[in-house]
Amino acid sequence: MSGRPCTYCPEPDADVCVRVQPPAAGSAHIFAHRKCAQDRGVTWWYAIVDEPTAAPR
């Protein structure tokens, strides 16, 4: 995975986005582990299914 931090626990490799901050707050996507979000009743927006690849040149 990517090493994205989970907003609810100290473990890396979060796999879902649970919130998107507005531009005034830095336009960040906030990630969590699917289980961490479910345990807290948080609905996630989208799942990370694959790492992006470089565009062909």
N, C-alpha and C. Protein backbone atom coordinates (compact mmCIF):
# COMPACT_ATOMS: atom_id res chain seq x y z
N MET A 1 0.84 -1.19 0.00
CA MET A 1 0.00 0.00 0.00
C MET A 1 0.87 1.25 0.00
N SER A 2 0.31 2.34 0.40
CA SER A 2 0.96 3.62 0.19
C SER A 2 1.60 4.24 1.41
N GLY A 3 1.27 3.77 2.59
CA GLY A 3 1.77 4.42 3.78
C GLY A 3 0.91 5.59 4.24
N ARG A 4 -0.29 5.76 3.65
CA ARG A 4 -1.18 6.84 4.10
C ARG A 4 -1.53 6.63 5.56
N PRO A 5 -1.42 7.67 6.39
CA PRO A 5 -1.78 7.51 7.80
C PRO A 5 -3.30 7.43 7.99
N CYS A 6 -3.70 6.66 8.98
CA CYS A 6 -5.11 6.57 9.36
C CYS A 6 -5.39 7.69 10.36
N THR A 7 -6.51 8.36 10.19
CA THR A 7 -6.85 9.44 11.11
C THR A 7 -7.30 8.92 12.48
N TYR A 8 -7.62 7.62 12.58
CA TYR A 8 -8.16 7.07 13.82
C TYR A 8 -7.19 6.16 14.58
N CYS A 9 -6.10 5.73 13.96
CA CYS A 9 -5.15 4.86 14.65
C CYS A 9 -3.74 5.16 14.15
N PRO A 10 -2.71 4.66 14.82
CA PRO A 10 -1.34 4.99 14.42
C PRO A 10 -0.79 4.14 13.27
N GLU A 11 -1.56 3.19 12.76
CA GLU A 11 -1.06 2.29 11.72
C GLU A 11 -1.08 2.97 10.34
N PRO A 12 -0.12 2.64 9.47
CA PRO A 12 -0.10 3.19 8.10
C PRO A 12 -1.05 2.42 7.17
N ASP A 13 -1.04 2.79 5.93
CA ASP A 13 -1.77 2.10 4.86
C ASP A 13 -3.28 2.22 4.95
N ALA A 14 -3.77 3.40 5.27
CA ALA A 14 -5.22 3.65 5.26
C ALA A 14 -5.75 3.39 3.86
N ASP A 15 -6.96 2.86 3.76
CA ASP A 15 -7.46 2.45 2.46
C ASP A 15 -8.77 3.09 2.02
N VAL A 16 -9.32 4.03 2.81
CA VAL A 16 -10.52 4.74 2.39
C VAL A 16 -10.39 6.23 2.74
N CYS A 17 -11.09 7.06 1.98
CA CYS A 17 -11.14 8.50 2.28
C CYS A 17 -12.42 8.75 3.07
N VAL A 18 -12.29 9.41 4.22
CA VAL A 18 -13.46 9.68 5.06
C VAL A 18 -13.88 11.14 5.06
N ARG A 19 -13.05 12.01 4.51
CA ARG A 19 -13.39 13.44 4.51
C ARG A 19 -12.46 14.17 3.55
N VAL A 20 -12.95 15.25 2.98
CA VAL A 20 -12.13 16.14 2.16
C VAL A 20 -12.25 17.53 2.76
N GLN A 21 -11.12 18.10 3.15
CA GLN A 21 -11.13 19.44 3.73
C GLN A 21 -11.32 20.47 2.63
N PRO A 22 -12.01 21.57 2.93
CA PRO A 22 -12.20 22.64 1.95
C PRO A 22 -10.87 23.35 1.67
N PRO A 23 -10.81 24.08 0.56
CA PRO A 23 -9.57 24.80 0.22
C PRO A 23 -9.04 25.69 1.33
N ALA A 24 -9.90 26.32 2.08
CA ALA A 24 -9.45 27.20 3.16
C ALA A 24 -8.71 26.43 4.26
N ALA A 25 -9.00 25.14 4.36
CA ALA A 25 -8.34 24.31 5.38
C ALA A 25 -7.20 23.49 4.80
N GLY A 26 -6.86 23.72 3.54
CA GLY A 26 -5.73 23.02 2.95
C GLY A 26 -6.06 21.98 1.90
N SER A 27 -7.30 21.79 1.56
CA SER A 27 -7.73 20.85 0.51
C SER A 27 -7.17 19.44 0.68
N ALA A 28 -7.08 18.96 1.89
CA ALA A 28 -6.52 17.64 2.12
C ALA A 28 -7.61 16.57 2.11
N HIS A 29 -7.25 15.39 1.65
CA HIS A 29 -8.11 14.22 1.75
C HIS A 29 -7.70 13.51 3.04
N ILE A 30 -8.68 13.16 3.87
CA ILE A 30 -8.42 12.53 5.16
C ILE A 30 -8.73 11.04 5.02
N PHE A 31 -7.73 10.21 5.34
CA PHE A 31 -7.85 8.77 5.12
C PHE A 31 -7.97 8.00 6.42
N ALA A 32 -8.52 6.80 6.31
CA ALA A 32 -8.65 5.88 7.45
C ALA A 32 -8.64 4.46 6.92
N HIS A 33 -8.49 3.53 7.84
CA HIS A 33 -8.70 2.13 7.49
C HIS A 33 -10.21 1.90 7.46
N ARG A 34 -10.65 1.08 6.55
CA ARG A 34 -12.08 0.80 6.43
C ARG A 34 -12.67 0.34 7.78
N LYS A 35 -11.97 -0.56 8.48
CA LYS A 35 -12.46 -1.07 9.77
C LYS A 35 -12.50 0.03 10.82
N CYS A 36 -11.49 0.90 10.85
CA CYS A 36 -11.49 2.01 11.82
C CYS A 36 -12.69 2.92 11.60
N ALA A 37 -12.99 3.22 10.33
CA ALA A 37 -14.14 4.07 10.02
C ALA A 37 -15.44 3.37 10.40
N GLN A 38 -15.57 2.09 10.05
CA GLN A 38 -16.79 1.35 10.37
C GLN A 38 -17.01 1.27 11.88
N ASP A 39 -15.93 1.04 12.63
CA ASP A 39 -16.04 0.95 14.09
C ASP A 39 -16.56 2.25 14.71
N ARG A 40 -16.37 3.36 14.02
CA ARG A 40 -16.79 4.67 14.53
C ARG A 40 -18.06 5.18 13.87
N GLY A 41 -18.65 4.36 12.99
CA GLY A 41 -19.87 4.75 12.31
C GLY A 41 -19.66 5.81 11.24
N VAL A 42 -18.43 5.92 10.75
CA VAL A 42 -18.10 6.93 9.74
C VAL A 42 -18.29 6.33 8.35
N THR A 43 -19.05 7.01 7.53
CA THR A 43 -19.23 6.59 6.14
C THR A 43 -18.06 7.10 5.33
N TRP A 44 -17.43 6.21 4.58
CA TRP A 44 -16.29 6.65 3.77
C TRP A 44 -16.76 7.05 2.37
N TRP A 45 -15.99 7.92 1.72
CA TRP A 45 -16.35 8.49 0.42
C TRP A 45 -15.89 7.61 -0.73
N TYR A 46 -14.64 7.15 -0.66
CA TYR A 46 -14.12 6.28 -1.71
C TYR A 46 -12.99 5.44 -1.16
N ALA A 47 -12.75 4.30 -1.82
CA ALA A 47 -11.68 3.39 -1.41
C ALA A 47 -10.49 3.54 -2.34
N ILE A 48 -9.32 3.33 -1.78
CA ILE A 48 -8.09 3.32 -2.58
C ILE A 48 -7.94 1.89 -3.09
N VAL A 49 -8.00 1.71 -4.38
CA VAL A 49 -7.94 0.36 -4.94
C VAL A 49 -6.62 0.06 -5.64
N ASP A 50 -5.90 1.08 -6.03
CA ASP A 50 -4.66 0.86 -6.75
C ASP A 50 -3.82 2.12 -6.69
N GLU A 51 -2.53 1.96 -6.70
CA GLU A 51 -1.66 3.11 -6.75
C GLU A 51 -1.65 3.68 -8.17
N PRO A 52 -1.56 4.99 -8.31
CA PRO A 52 -1.50 5.58 -9.65
C PRO A 52 -0.23 5.15 -10.37
N THR A 53 -0.32 5.05 -11.66
CA THR A 53 0.87 4.73 -12.46
C THR A 53 1.24 5.94 -13.30
N ALA A 54 2.47 5.98 -13.72
CA ALA A 54 2.92 7.09 -14.55
C ALA A 54 2.27 7.00 -15.93
N ALA A 55 1.93 8.14 -16.48
CA ALA A 55 1.37 8.18 -17.82
C ALA A 55 2.42 7.78 -18.84
N PRO A 56 2.02 7.08 -19.89
CA PRO A 56 3.00 6.72 -20.92
C PRO A 56 3.54 7.96 -21.60
N ARG A 57 4.78 7.89 -21.99
CA ARG A 57 5.40 9.04 -22.66
C ARG A 57 5.42 8.86 -24.15
